[in-house]
Amino acid sequence: MEQEKKHKLTKEELIVILQNKREELDKVPTKKNMTPEVIGAIHREFGKWIYALEAAGLRTPSETSLLRRKHSKAKWKKLHRHGSKEDMKK
């Protein structure tokens, strides 16, 4: 018997879920308000909970958050452009 594959939630579907939960609760939802399936999908699609809230328009990123993200991306690009320190030793 063929087992049906579970539908993977898309970013767009997760945004709608978060916005609907916001309306239902009349406040910004937390992880405690969501199912494990939704929480897992949010981490897979957005990386962090706050990024999902930002994408859904439920949270505005702070300047600190934006700078931290920008710095992290630049550091990652630099590491992967030149290889890791271990690769450089070889």
C-alpha atoms as a PDB file:
ATOM      1  CA  MET A   1       0.000   0.000   0.000  1.00  0.00           C
ATOM      2  CA  GLU A   2       1.401   3.375  -0.998  1.00  0.00           C
ATOM      3  CA  GLN A   3       1.634   5.858   1.850  1.00  0.00           C
ATOM      4  CA  GLU A   4       0.496   9.387   1.101  1.00  0.00           C
ATOM      5  CA  LYS A   5       3.251  11.993   1.447  1.00  0.00           C
ATOM      6  CA  LYS A   6       2.577  14.841   3.859  1.00  0.00           C
ATOM      7  CA  HIS A   7       2.152  18.229   2.244  1.00  0.00           C
ATOM      8  CA  LYS A   8       5.050  20.561   3.058  1.00  0.00           C
ATOM      9  CA  LEU A   9       3.777  23.963   4.059  1.00  0.00           C
ATOM     10  CA  THR A  10       5.083  26.799   1.884  1.00  0.00           C
ATOM     11  CA  LYS A  11       6.217  30.214   3.101  1.00  0.00           C
ATOM     12  CA  GLU A  12       3.003  31.728   1.775  1.00  0.00           C
ATOM     13  CA  GLU A  13       0.851  29.176   3.606  1.00  0.00           C
ATOM     14  CA  LEU A  14       2.769  29.729   6.831  1.00  0.00           C
ATOM     15  CA  ILE A  15       2.300  33.481   6.562  1.00  0.00           C
ATOM     16  CA  VAL A  16      -1.461  32.998   6.175  1.00  0.00           C
ATOM     17  CA  ILE A  17      -1.494  30.622   9.166  1.00  0.00           C
ATOM     18  CA  LEU A  18       0.344  33.182  11.318  1.00  0.00           C
ATOM     19  CA  GLN A  19      -1.945  36.021  10.210  1.00  0.00           C
ATOM     20  CA  ASN A  20      -5.070  33.940  10.859  1.00  0.00           C
ATOM     21  CA  LYS A  21      -3.785  32.957  14.303  1.00  0.00           C
ATOM     22  CA  ARG A  22      -3.147  36.662  15.006  1.00  0.00           C
ATOM     23  CA  GLU A  23      -6.770  37.420  14.183  1.00  0.00           C
ATOM     24  CA  GLU A  24      -8.035  34.484  16.237  1.00  0.00           C
ATOM     25  CA  LEU A  25      -5.991  35.369  19.338  1.00  0.00           C
ATOM     26  CA  ASP A  26      -6.124  39.160  18.920  1.00  0.00           C
ATOM     27  CA  LYS A  27      -2.381  39.197  19.645  1.00  0.00           C
ATOM     28  CA  VAL A  28       0.840  38.096  17.988  1.00  0.00           C
ATOM     29  CA  PRO A  29       1.037  34.307  18.233  1.00  0.00           C
ATOM     30  CA  THR A  30       3.845  32.517  20.027  1.00  0.00           C
ATOM     31  CA  LYS A  31       5.210  29.039  19.408  1.00  0.00           C
ATOM     32  CA  LYS A  32       2.947  27.793  22.218  1.00  0.00           C
ATOM     33  CA  ASN A  33      -0.054  28.710  20.047  1.00  0.00           C
ATOM     34  CA  MET A  34       1.104  26.540  17.126  1.00  0.00           C
ATOM     35  CA  THR A  35       1.281  22.853  16.310  1.00  0.00           C
ATOM     36  CA  PRO A  36       4.651  21.086  16.124  1.00  0.00           C
ATOM     37  CA  GLU A  37       4.115  20.687  12.358  1.00  0.00           C
ATOM     38  CA  VAL A  38       3.769  24.449  11.872  1.00  0.00           C
ATOM     39  CA  ILE A  39       6.717  25.235  14.155  1.00  0.00           C
ATOM     40  CA  GLY A  40       8.928  22.777  12.249  1.00  0.00           C
ATOM     41  CA  ALA A  41       7.846  24.194   8.899  1.00  0.00           C
ATOM     42  CA  ILE A  42       8.549  27.742  10.098  1.00  0.00           C
ATOM     43  CA  HIS A  43      12.066  26.783  11.161  1.00  0.00           C
ATOM     44  CA  ARG A  44      12.621  25.008   7.826  1.00  0.00           C
ATOM     45  CA  GLU A  45      11.299  27.902   5.712  1.00  0.00           C
ATOM     46  CA  PHE A  46      12.346  30.964   7.710  1.00  0.00           C
ATOM     47  CA  GLY A  47      15.123  29.789  10.017  1.00  0.00           C
ATOM     48  CA  LYS A  48      13.904  31.680  13.051  1.00  0.00           C
ATOM     49  CA  TRP A  49      10.484  32.365  14.505  1.00  0.00           C
ATOM     50  CA  ILE A  50      10.998  36.139  14.439  1.00  0.00           C
ATOM     51  CA  TYR A  51      11.782  36.050  10.710  1.00  0.00           C
ATOM     52  CA  ALA A  52       8.432  34.354  10.089  1.00  0.00           C
ATOM     53  CA  LEU A  53       6.644  36.981  12.175  1.00  0.00           C
ATOM     54  CA  GLU A  54       8.405  39.717  10.201  1.00  0.00           C
ATOM     55  CA  ALA A  55       7.419  38.110   6.874  1.00  0.00           C
ATOM     56  CA  ALA A  56       3.804  37.931   8.056  1.00  0.00           C
ATOM     57  CA  GLY A  57       3.869  41.617   8.992  1.00  0.00           C
ATOM     58  CA  LEU A  58       3.386  40.832  12.680  1.00  0.00           C
ATOM     59  CA  ARG A  59       6.724  42.162  13.874  1.00  0.00           C
ATOM     60  CA  THR A  60       8.977  44.966  12.702  1.00  0.00           C
ATOM     61  CA  PRO A  61      12.668  44.123  12.739  1.00  0.00           C
ATOM     62  CA  SER A  62      14.743  46.298  15.044  1.00  0.00           C
ATOM     63  CA  GLU A  63      17.827  48.089  13.745  1.00  0.00           C
ATOM     64  CA  THR A  64      19.952  45.793  15.896  1.00  0.00           C
ATOM     65  CA  SER A  65      18.331  42.725  14.365  1.00  0.00           C
ATOM     66  CA  LEU A  66      18.890  44.031  10.835  1.00  0.00           C
ATOM     67  CA  LEU A  67      22.536  44.870  11.531  1.00  0.00           C
ATOM     68  CA  ARG A  68      23.139  41.485  13.143  1.00  0.00           C
ATOM     69  CA  ARG A  69      21.632  39.716  10.137  1.00  0.00           C
ATOM     70  CA  LYS A  70      23.650  41.812   7.700  1.00  0.00           C
ATOM     71  CA  HIS A  71      26.850  41.120   9.644  1.00  0.00           C
ATOM     72  CA  SER A  72      26.124  37.378   9.784  1.00  0.00           C
ATOM     73  CA  LYS A  73      25.523  37.189   6.029  1.00  0.00           C
ATOM     74  CA  ALA A  74      28.720  39.123   5.296  1.00  0.00           C
ATOM     75  CA  LYS A  75      30.729  36.848   7.598  1.00  0.00           C
ATOM     76  CA  TRP A  76      29.212  33.739   5.976  1.00  0.00           C
ATOM     77  CA  LYS A  77      29.973  35.021   2.459  1.00  0.00           C
ATOM     78  CA  LYS A  78      33.560  35.863   3.432  1.00  0.00           C
ATOM     79  CA  LEU A  79      34.099  32.418   4.938  1.00  0.00           C
ATOM     80  CA  HIS A  80      32.683  30.625   1.924  1.00  0.00           C
ATOM     81  CA  ARG A  81      34.349  32.866  -0.630  1.00  0.00           C
ATOM     82  CA  HIS A  82      37.828  32.155   0.749  1.00  0.00           C
ATOM     83  CA  GLY A  83      37.168  28.709   2.168  1.00  0.00           C
ATOM     84  CA  SER A  84      37.231  27.791   5.828  1.00  0.00           C
ATOM     85  CA  LYS A  85      40.279  28.343   8.004  1.00  0.00           C
ATOM     86  CA  GLU A  86      40.937  24.600   7.861  1.00  0.00           C
ATOM     87  CA  ASP A  87      40.970  24.707   4.036  1.00  0.00           C
ATOM     88  CA  MET A  88      43.400  27.614   4.105  1.00  0.00           C
ATOM     89  CA  LYS A  89      45.871  25.658   6.286  1.00  0.00           C
ATOM     90  CA  LYS A  90      46.165  22.883   3.689  1.00  0.00           C
END
